[in-house]
Protein backbone atom coordinates (compact mmCIF):
# COMPACT_ATOMS: atom_id res chain seq x y z
CA UNK A 1 0.20 0.05 0.03
CA UNK A 2 1.45 3.28 -0.90
CA UNK A 3 1.69 6.14 1.61
CA UNK A 4 0.41 9.49 1.20
CA UNK A 5 3.54 10.88 0.60
CA UNK A 6 4.46 8.28 -2.24
CA UNK A 7 0.94 8.98 -3.86
CA UNK A 8 1.61 12.86 -4.03
CA UNK A 9 5.14 12.06 -5.65
CA UNK A 10 3.63 10.00 -8.14
CA UNK A 11 1.10 12.56 -9.25
CA UNK A 12 3.61 15.14 -9.26
CA UNK A 13 5.93 12.98 -11.40
CA UNK A 14 2.81 12.15 -13.77
CA UNK A 15 1.80 15.67 -14.14
CA UNK A 16 5.28 16.82 -14.96
CA UNK A 17 5.63 14.00 -17.73
CA UNK A 18 2.19 15.21 -19.06
CA UNK A 19 3.28 18.79 -19.05
CA UNK A 20 6.40 17.80 -20.90
CA UNK A 21 4.48 15.65 -23.35
CA UNK A 22 2.22 18.36 -24.24
CA UNK A 23 5.00 21.04 -24.78
CA UNK A 24 5.90 19.00 -27.92
CA UNK A 25 1.94 19.32 -29.37
CA UNK A 26 0.61 22.33 -30.74
CA UNK A 27 -0.32 25.08 -28.42
CA UNK A 28 -3.43 25.61 -30.37
CA UNK A 29 -5.17 22.54 -29.32
CA UNK A 30 -8.98 22.87 -29.07
CA UNK A 31 -11.02 20.97 -26.63
CA UNK A 32 -14.80 20.53 -26.95
CA UNK A 33 -16.62 21.50 -23.62
CA UNK A 34 -17.21 17.61 -22.89
CA UNK A 35 -13.36 16.85 -23.24
CA UNK A 36 -12.55 20.08 -21.38
CA UNK A 37 -14.93 18.93 -18.41
CA UNK A 38 -13.06 15.20 -18.26
CA UNK A 39 -9.90 17.14 -17.98
CA UNK A 40 -11.02 19.46 -15.13
CA UNK A 41 -13.15 17.01 -13.55
CA UNK A 42 -16.16 18.61 -13.66
CA UNK A 43 -19.41 18.91 -15.81
CA UNK A 44 -19.76 20.42 -19.23
CA UNK A 45 -22.25 23.22 -17.54
CA UNK A 46 -19.42 24.19 -15.41
CA UNK A 47 -17.20 24.82 -18.54
CA UNK A 48 -19.75 27.02 -19.96
CA UNK A 49 -20.06 29.02 -16.68
CA UNK A 50 -16.29 29.48 -16.75
CA UNK A 51 -16.52 30.91 -20.05
CA UNK A 52 -19.50 33.09 -19.52
CA UNK A 53 -17.83 34.67 -16.34
CA UNK A 54 -14.72 35.40 -18.48
CA UNK A 55 -12.26 32.92 -16.84
CA UNK A 56 -12.03 30.99 -20.22
CA UNK A 57 -12.30 32.12 -23.78
CA UNK A 58 -14.91 30.31 -25.92
CA UNK A 59 -13.69 29.68 -29.39
CA UNK A 60 -15.21 28.12 -32.44
CA UNK A 61 -18.30 25.61 -31.93
CA UNK A 62 -17.72 26.35 -27.95
CA UNK A 63 -14.44 24.88 -27.80
CA UNK A 64 -11.83 25.96 -25.25
CA UNK A 65 -7.68 25.59 -25.41
CA UNK A 66 -5.94 22.93 -23.44
CA UNK A 67 -3.33 25.23 -22.54
CA UNK A 68 -5.91 27.97 -21.30
CA UNK A 69 -7.84 25.51 -19.40
CA UNK A 70 -4.50 24.02 -17.51
CA UNK A 71 -3.46 27.35 -16.56
CA UNK A 72 -6.87 28.40 -15.06
CA UNK A 73 -7.17 24.97 -13.06
CA UNK A 74 -3.76 25.64 -11.84
CA UNK A 75 -4.51 29.05 -10.72
CA UNK A 76 -2.59 31.05 -13.08
CA UNK A 77 -4.04 33.91 -15.52
CA UNK A 78 -5.22 31.84 -18.16
CA UNK A 79 -6.05 34.49 -20.61
CA UNK A 80 -2.42 35.87 -20.41
CA UNK A 81 -0.89 35.71 -23.90
CA UNK A 82 2.23 33.13 -23.72
CA UNK A 83 1.17 32.03 -20.08
CA UNK A 84 1.58 28.34 -20.80
CA UNK A 85 4.25 27.18 -17.94
CA UNK A 86 2.39 25.60 -15.38
CA UNK A 87 3.73 24.57 -11.90
CA UNK A 88 3.37 20.99 -11.87
CA UNK A 89 3.40 20.50 -8.16
CA UNK A 90 1.14 23.33 -7.58
CA UNK A 91 -1.08 21.54 -10.27
CA UNK A 92 -0.77 18.34 -8.55
CA UNK A 93 -1.60 20.06 -5.46
CA UNK A 94 -5.04 21.68 -6.56
CA UNK A 95 -5.92 18.30 -8.01
CA UNK A 96 -5.51 16.70 -4.85
CA UNK A 97 -7.14 19.04 -2.88
CA UNK A 98 -10.04 19.66 -5.15
CA UNK A 99 -10.65 15.68 -4.96
CA UNK A 100 -10.24 15.83 -1.38
CA UNK A 101 -7.74 12.89 -1.46
CA UNK A 102 -10.82 10.55 -2.38
CA UNK A 103 -9.93 7.73 -0.11
């Protein structure tokens, strides 16, 4: 059985790996609201609400930029141009906190 510390380290390594992998993909990757909601672990209506509130930009056919969504979820200023750098540890901590370390 893994300790909480080992789980946090695993999540951080996974997030860092994913960020590195995504740096190799185009920055203009659009997600449907359904795909964005799966990434954010919320409902599509929450994605629409974030767009309506100005937290995310709604693009063609209601899609959102993956980089913008990740920056928003990490607590960064998602709509600042060129702000695609996300601190993996901060992002992992937010994900774990949001899920309440579902045990």
